[in-house]
Amino acid sequence: MRLPNRLPALMAAALSLSAPAAAENIDLLMTGLFPSADATYIGYDSVERLDIPESAPIDRKYLIVDFRFHSPMATDQLQASVHKVCMTLLKDHELIQSLSNDGYDMVSVAFDRQSQYDCL
């Protein structure tokens, strides 16, 4: 999902991974999010597209929060899982502010190596 012009700065502040507290907060939030039989949090990755100028209206820096399902999920269950992860992140205002301060434009969630689902 594309952020409005004023939100990239907000997201960047919120997703600050240079600060250990933000990274620790992501790990704490995500680790217990799903029952162990559903999905396992395996970590996050920061991606920065250096080939895109900072002034470009395109997302340049984003965070991928990564999970793995233990069994295949139906589409409606997948959508509910994406929503659960995204809402958990978005409700943590300090984390979002920290990420935004660090220049993050977007947060995505992945449940496999082929697909990513944008939170914001």
N, C-alpha and C. Protein backbone atom coordinates (compact mmCIF):
# COMPACT_ATOMS: atom_id res chain seq x y z
N MET A 1 0.85 -1.15 0.00
CA MET A 1 0.00 0.00 0.00
C MET A 1 0.91 1.23 0.00
N ARG A 2 0.68 2.17 -0.88
CA ARG A 2 1.48 3.39 -1.02
C ARG A 2 1.11 4.39 0.07
N LEU A 3 2.13 5.02 0.65
CA LEU A 3 1.90 6.01 1.70
C LEU A 3 1.65 7.38 1.11
N PRO A 4 0.77 8.17 1.72
CA PRO A 4 0.63 9.56 1.31
C PRO A 4 1.95 10.30 1.56
N ASN A 5 2.13 11.44 0.92
CA ASN A 5 3.40 12.18 1.00
C ASN A 5 3.86 12.46 2.42
N ARG A 6 2.98 12.73 3.35
CA ARG A 6 3.42 13.07 4.71
C ARG A 6 3.76 11.84 5.54
N LEU A 7 3.35 10.67 5.10
CA LEU A 7 3.60 9.47 5.90
C LEU A 7 5.00 8.88 5.77
N PRO A 8 5.72 9.05 4.64
CA PRO A 8 7.05 8.45 4.60
C PRO A 8 7.93 8.93 5.75
N ALA A 9 7.87 10.20 6.08
CA ALA A 9 8.68 10.69 7.19
C ALA A 9 8.23 10.05 8.50
N LEU A 10 6.94 9.89 8.67
CA LEU A 10 6.39 9.26 9.87
C LEU A 10 6.84 7.81 9.95
N MET A 11 6.76 7.10 8.82
CA MET A 11 7.17 5.70 8.80
C MET A 11 8.65 5.57 9.08
N ALA A 12 9.43 6.45 8.48
CA ALA A 12 10.87 6.38 8.68
C ALA A 12 11.20 6.49 10.15
N ALA A 13 10.51 7.35 10.83
CA ALA A 13 10.75 7.53 12.26
C ALA A 13 10.34 6.30 13.03
N ALA A 14 9.31 5.65 12.57
CA ALA A 14 8.76 4.53 13.29
C ALA A 14 9.57 3.27 13.15
N LEU A 15 10.22 3.09 12.06
CA LEU A 15 10.90 1.83 11.81
C LEU A 15 12.41 1.89 12.01
N SER A 16 12.87 2.69 12.90
CA SER A 16 14.29 2.90 13.12
C SER A 16 14.96 1.63 13.60
N LEU A 17 15.73 1.03 12.71
CA LEU A 17 16.42 -0.19 13.09
C LEU A 17 17.84 0.09 13.57
N SER A 18 18.27 1.33 13.40
CA SER A 18 19.60 1.65 13.90
C SER A 18 19.59 1.68 15.43
N ALA A 19 18.44 1.93 15.99
CA ALA A 19 18.31 1.92 17.44
C ALA A 19 17.97 0.51 17.89
N PRO A 20 18.77 -0.08 18.78
CA PRO A 20 18.51 -1.43 19.23
C PRO A 20 17.12 -1.61 19.84
N ALA A 21 16.59 -0.58 20.47
CA ALA A 21 15.28 -0.70 21.10
C ALA A 21 14.20 -0.97 20.07
N ALA A 22 14.28 -0.33 18.89
CA ALA A 22 13.27 -0.54 17.85
C ALA A 22 13.34 -1.98 17.34
N ALA A 23 14.55 -2.46 17.06
CA ALA A 23 14.71 -3.82 16.56
C ALA A 23 14.24 -4.83 17.60
N GLU A 24 14.58 -4.57 18.84
CA GLU A 24 14.15 -5.45 19.93
C GLU A 24 12.63 -5.43 20.04
N ASN A 25 12.03 -4.26 19.86
CA ASN A 25 10.59 -4.12 19.94
C ASN A 25 9.90 -4.93 18.84
N ILE A 26 10.44 -4.90 17.63
CA ILE A 26 9.88 -5.69 16.53
C ILE A 26 9.93 -7.16 16.90
N ASP A 27 11.07 -7.62 17.36
CA ASP A 27 11.21 -9.03 17.73
C ASP A 27 10.22 -9.42 18.82
N LEU A 28 10.08 -8.58 19.84
CA LEU A 28 9.14 -8.88 20.93
C LEU A 28 7.69 -8.91 20.43
N LEU A 29 7.32 -7.92 19.62
CA LEU A 29 5.96 -7.85 19.09
C LEU A 29 5.61 -9.07 18.24
N MET A 30 6.54 -9.49 17.42
CA MET A 30 6.26 -10.52 16.43
C MET A 30 6.40 -11.95 16.95
N THR A 31 7.26 -12.16 17.93
CA THR A 31 7.55 -13.51 18.40
C THR A 31 6.32 -14.26 18.91
N GLY A 32 5.48 -13.62 19.67
CA GLY A 32 4.32 -14.31 20.23
C GLY A 32 3.02 -14.02 19.51
N LEU A 33 3.08 -13.49 18.30
CA LEU A 33 1.88 -13.05 17.61
C LEU A 33 0.95 -14.18 17.20
N PHE A 34 1.52 -15.30 16.76
CA PHE A 34 0.72 -16.44 16.30
C PHE A 34 0.93 -17.64 17.21
N PRO A 35 -0.11 -18.44 17.38
CA PRO A 35 0.11 -19.72 18.09
C PRO A 35 1.18 -20.52 17.36
N SER A 36 1.95 -21.25 18.09
CA SER A 36 3.08 -21.97 17.49
C SER A 36 2.67 -22.93 16.38
N ALA A 37 1.43 -23.36 16.36
CA ALA A 37 0.97 -24.28 15.32
C ALA A 37 0.67 -23.57 14.00
N ASP A 38 0.51 -22.23 14.03
CA ASP A 38 0.13 -21.49 12.82
C ASP A 38 1.32 -20.98 12.03
N ALA A 39 2.09 -20.08 12.63
CA ALA A 39 3.21 -19.45 11.93
C ALA A 39 4.30 -19.10 12.92
N THR A 40 5.53 -19.04 12.42
CA THR A 40 6.68 -18.71 13.24
C THR A 40 7.34 -17.46 12.70
N TYR A 41 7.61 -16.51 13.58
CA TYR A 41 8.35 -15.31 13.22
C TYR A 41 9.81 -15.70 13.05
N ILE A 42 10.40 -15.33 11.90
CA ILE A 42 11.80 -15.69 11.68
C ILE A 42 12.73 -14.49 11.59
N GLY A 43 12.16 -13.27 11.64
CA GLY A 43 13.00 -12.08 11.65
C GLY A 43 12.51 -11.01 10.70
N TYR A 44 13.35 -10.00 10.51
CA TYR A 44 13.00 -8.91 9.62
C TYR A 44 14.23 -8.56 8.80
N ASP A 45 14.00 -7.83 7.72
CA ASP A 45 15.09 -7.40 6.86
C ASP A 45 14.82 -5.97 6.42
N SER A 46 15.85 -5.16 6.40
CA SER A 46 15.75 -3.79 5.94
C SER A 46 16.27 -3.74 4.51
N VAL A 47 15.48 -3.12 3.62
CA VAL A 47 15.86 -3.02 2.22
C VAL A 47 15.90 -1.55 1.84
N GLU A 48 17.01 -1.14 1.25
CA GLU A 48 17.12 0.24 0.79
C GLU A 48 17.56 0.23 -0.67
N ARG A 49 16.75 0.85 -1.51
CA ARG A 49 17.02 0.93 -2.95
C ARG A 49 17.87 2.17 -3.21
N LEU A 50 19.18 2.00 -3.28
CA LEU A 50 20.08 3.12 -3.50
C LEU A 50 20.02 3.63 -4.93
N ASP A 51 19.46 2.82 -5.84
CA ASP A 51 19.34 3.24 -7.23
C ASP A 51 18.19 4.22 -7.44
N ILE A 52 17.37 4.43 -6.41
CA ILE A 52 16.25 5.37 -6.49
C ILE A 52 16.65 6.65 -5.74
N PRO A 53 16.59 7.80 -6.41
CA PRO A 53 16.96 9.05 -5.71
C PRO A 53 16.03 9.32 -4.53
N GLU A 54 16.58 9.94 -3.49
CA GLU A 54 15.78 10.25 -2.30
C GLU A 54 14.60 11.15 -2.63
N SER A 55 14.73 11.97 -3.65
CA SER A 55 13.66 12.89 -4.03
C SER A 55 12.56 12.23 -4.86
N ALA A 56 12.76 11.00 -5.28
CA ALA A 56 11.77 10.30 -6.11
C ALA A 56 10.52 9.98 -5.30
N PRO A 57 9.35 10.00 -5.96
CA PRO A 57 8.10 9.70 -5.25
C PRO A 57 7.86 8.20 -5.06
N ILE A 58 8.90 7.42 -5.17
CA ILE A 58 8.80 5.96 -5.08
C ILE A 58 9.38 5.51 -3.74
N ASP A 59 8.77 4.51 -3.14
CA ASP A 59 9.30 3.96 -1.89
C ASP A 59 10.73 3.50 -2.10
N ARG A 60 11.60 3.90 -1.21
CA ARG A 60 13.02 3.65 -1.37
C ARG A 60 13.58 2.75 -0.28
N LYS A 61 13.04 2.87 0.91
CA LYS A 61 13.54 2.10 2.04
C LYS A 61 12.36 1.44 2.73
N TYR A 62 12.45 0.13 2.93
CA TYR A 62 11.34 -0.56 3.58
C TYR A 62 11.83 -1.72 4.43
N LEU A 63 10.92 -2.14 5.28
CA LEU A 63 11.18 -3.22 6.22
C LEU A 63 10.30 -4.40 5.85
N ILE A 64 10.88 -5.58 5.84
CA ILE A 64 10.11 -6.81 5.60
C ILE A 64 10.12 -7.62 6.88
N VAL A 65 8.94 -7.89 7.43
CA VAL A 65 8.79 -8.71 8.62
C VAL A 65 8.42 -10.11 8.12
N ASP A 66 9.21 -11.10 8.49
CA ASP A 66 9.13 -12.41 7.86
C ASP A 66 8.63 -13.50 8.81
N PHE A 67 7.66 -14.27 8.34
CA PHE A 67 7.09 -15.41 9.06
C PHE A 67 7.08 -16.62 8.13
N ARG A 68 6.93 -17.78 8.70
CA ARG A 68 6.71 -18.99 7.91
C ARG A 68 5.53 -19.74 8.51
N PHE A 69 4.60 -20.12 7.64
CA PHE A 69 3.47 -20.95 8.04
C PHE A 69 3.95 -22.39 8.15
N HIS A 70 3.32 -23.13 9.04
CA HIS A 70 3.67 -24.54 9.20
C HIS A 70 2.89 -25.41 8.22
N SER A 71 1.80 -24.89 7.70
CA SER A 71 1.00 -25.59 6.69
C SER A 71 0.39 -24.55 5.78
N PRO A 72 0.02 -24.95 4.57
CA PRO A 72 -0.57 -23.99 3.62
C PRO A 72 -1.83 -23.33 4.20
N MET A 73 -1.99 -22.04 3.88
CA MET A 73 -3.13 -21.27 4.39
C MET A 73 -4.10 -20.95 3.26
N ALA A 74 -5.37 -20.93 3.58
CA ALA A 74 -6.39 -20.49 2.64
C ALA A 74 -6.25 -18.97 2.48
N THR A 75 -6.73 -18.44 1.37
CA THR A 75 -6.60 -17.02 1.08
C THR A 75 -7.17 -16.14 2.19
N ASP A 76 -8.34 -16.50 2.72
CA ASP A 76 -8.93 -15.67 3.78
C ASP A 76 -8.10 -15.72 5.06
N GLN A 77 -7.49 -16.86 5.35
CA GLN A 77 -6.62 -16.97 6.52
C GLN A 77 -5.34 -16.17 6.33
N LEU A 78 -4.82 -16.18 5.10
CA LEU A 78 -3.63 -15.40 4.78
C LEU A 78 -3.92 -13.91 4.96
N GLN A 79 -5.04 -13.44 4.44
CA GLN A 79 -5.41 -12.03 4.58
C GLN A 79 -5.56 -11.65 6.05
N ALA A 80 -6.16 -12.52 6.82
CA ALA A 80 -6.32 -12.25 8.26
C ALA A 80 -4.96 -12.19 8.95
N SER A 81 -4.04 -13.04 8.54
CA SER A 81 -2.70 -13.04 9.13
C SER A 81 -1.94 -11.77 8.78
N VAL A 82 -2.03 -11.34 7.53
CA VAL A 82 -1.39 -10.09 7.12
C VAL A 82 -1.95 -8.93 7.94
N HIS A 83 -3.26 -8.90 8.07
CA HIS A 83 -3.93 -7.84 8.84
C HIS A 83 -3.45 -7.85 10.29
N LYS A 84 -3.34 -9.03 10.87
CA LYS A 84 -2.92 -9.16 12.27
C LYS A 84 -1.51 -8.60 12.47
N VAL A 85 -0.59 -8.95 11.59
CA VAL A 85 0.78 -8.47 11.69
C VAL A 85 0.83 -6.95 11.51
N CYS A 86 0.18 -6.47 10.46
CA CYS A 86 0.21 -5.03 10.16
C CYS A 86 -0.40 -4.21 11.29
N MET A 87 -1.52 -4.63 11.80
CA MET A 87 -2.17 -3.87 12.87
C MET A 87 -1.34 -3.90 14.15
N THR A 88 -0.67 -4.99 14.42
CA THR A 88 0.20 -5.07 15.59
C THR A 88 1.34 -4.05 15.47
N LEU A 89 1.93 -3.96 14.29
CA LEU A 89 3.00 -2.99 14.07
C LEU A 89 2.48 -1.56 14.16
N LEU A 90 1.37 -1.31 13.50
CA LEU A 90 0.84 0.06 13.43
C LEU A 90 0.37 0.59 14.78
N LYS A 91 -0.05 -0.28 15.65
CA LYS A 91 -0.51 0.15 16.97
C LYS A 91 0.64 0.56 17.89
N ASP A 92 1.86 0.18 17.54
CA ASP A 92 3.02 0.54 18.34
C ASP A 92 3.55 1.88 17.81
N HIS A 93 3.00 2.96 18.35
CA HIS A 93 3.31 4.29 17.85
C HIS A 93 4.79 4.66 18.00
N GLU A 94 5.41 4.23 19.07
CA GLU A 94 6.84 4.51 19.25
C GLU A 94 7.67 3.83 18.18
N LEU A 95 7.34 2.60 17.87
CA LEU A 95 8.06 1.86 16.83
C LEU A 95 7.88 2.55 15.48
N ILE A 96 6.66 2.91 15.16
CA ILE A 96 6.39 3.58 13.88
C ILE A 96 7.13 4.91 13.81
N GLN A 97 7.14 5.66 14.88
CA GLN A 97 7.87 6.93 14.89
C GLN A 97 9.36 6.69 14.69
N SER A 98 9.89 5.69 15.34
CA SER A 98 11.31 5.37 15.22
C SER A 98 11.66 4.97 13.78
N LEU A 99 10.84 4.14 13.17
CA LEU A 99 11.07 3.71 11.79
C LEU A 99 11.00 4.90 10.84
N SER A 100 10.04 5.73 11.05
CA SER A 100 9.88 6.92 10.21
C SER A 100 11.11 7.84 10.33
N ASN A 101 11.60 8.02 11.55
CA ASN A 101 12.80 8.84 11.75
C ASN A 101 14.01 8.28 11.03
N ASP A 102 14.05 6.98 10.84
CA ASP A 102 15.17 6.34 10.14
C ASP A 102 14.97 6.26 8.63
N GLY A 103 13.91 6.87 8.13
CA GLY A 103 13.73 6.97 6.69
C GLY A 103 12.95 5.85 6.04
N TYR A 104 12.27 5.02 6.80
CA TYR A 104 11.50 3.94 6.19
C TYR A 104 10.22 4.49 5.56
N ASP A 105 9.94 4.01 4.36
CA ASP A 105 8.76 4.43 3.60
C ASP A 105 7.63 3.42 3.69
N MET A 106 7.96 2.17 4.02
CA MET A 106 6.97 1.12 3.94
C MET A 106 7.36 -0.06 4.84
N VAL A 107 6.36 -0.79 5.26
CA VAL A 107 6.55 -2.04 5.99
C VAL A 107 5.78 -3.11 5.24
N SER A 108 6.42 -4.25 5.03
CA SER A 108 5.78 -5.38 4.37
C SER A 108 5.89 -6.60 5.25
N VAL A 109 4.97 -7.55 5.03
CA VAL A 109 5.03 -8.82 5.74
C VAL A 109 5.14 -9.93 4.69
N ALA A 110 5.93 -10.94 5.00
CA ALA A 110 6.12 -12.07 4.09
C ALA A 110 5.87 -13.37 4.86
N PHE A 111 5.22 -14.29 4.19
CA PHE A 111 4.98 -15.61 4.77
C PHE A 111 5.65 -16.71 3.95
N ASP A 112 6.31 -16.31 2.88
CA ASP A 112 7.08 -17.24 2.06
C ASP A 112 8.12 -16.42 1.29
N ARG A 113 8.90 -17.07 0.48
CA ARG A 113 9.97 -16.37 -0.24
C ARG A 113 9.49 -15.72 -1.54
N GLN A 114 8.25 -15.97 -1.93
CA GLN A 114 7.75 -15.45 -3.21
C GLN A 114 6.88 -14.21 -3.09
N SER A 115 6.26 -13.97 -1.95
CA SER A 115 5.26 -12.91 -1.83
C SER A 115 5.50 -12.01 -0.63
N GLN A 116 5.21 -10.72 -0.83
CA GLN A 116 5.24 -9.75 0.26
C GLN A 116 3.93 -8.99 0.21
N TYR A 117 3.43 -8.62 1.39
CA TYR A 117 2.17 -7.90 1.51
C TYR A 117 2.45 -6.60 2.25
N ASP A 118 2.16 -5.48 1.61
CA ASP A 118 2.47 -4.17 2.19
C ASP A 118 1.47 -3.79 3.28
N CYS A 119 2.03 -3.32 4.40
CA CYS A 119 1.20 -2.80 5.49
C CYS A 119 0.92 -1.33 5.26
N LEU A 120 1.96 -0.58 5.00
CA LEU A 120 1.83 0.85 4.76
C LEU A 120 3.06 1.36 4.09
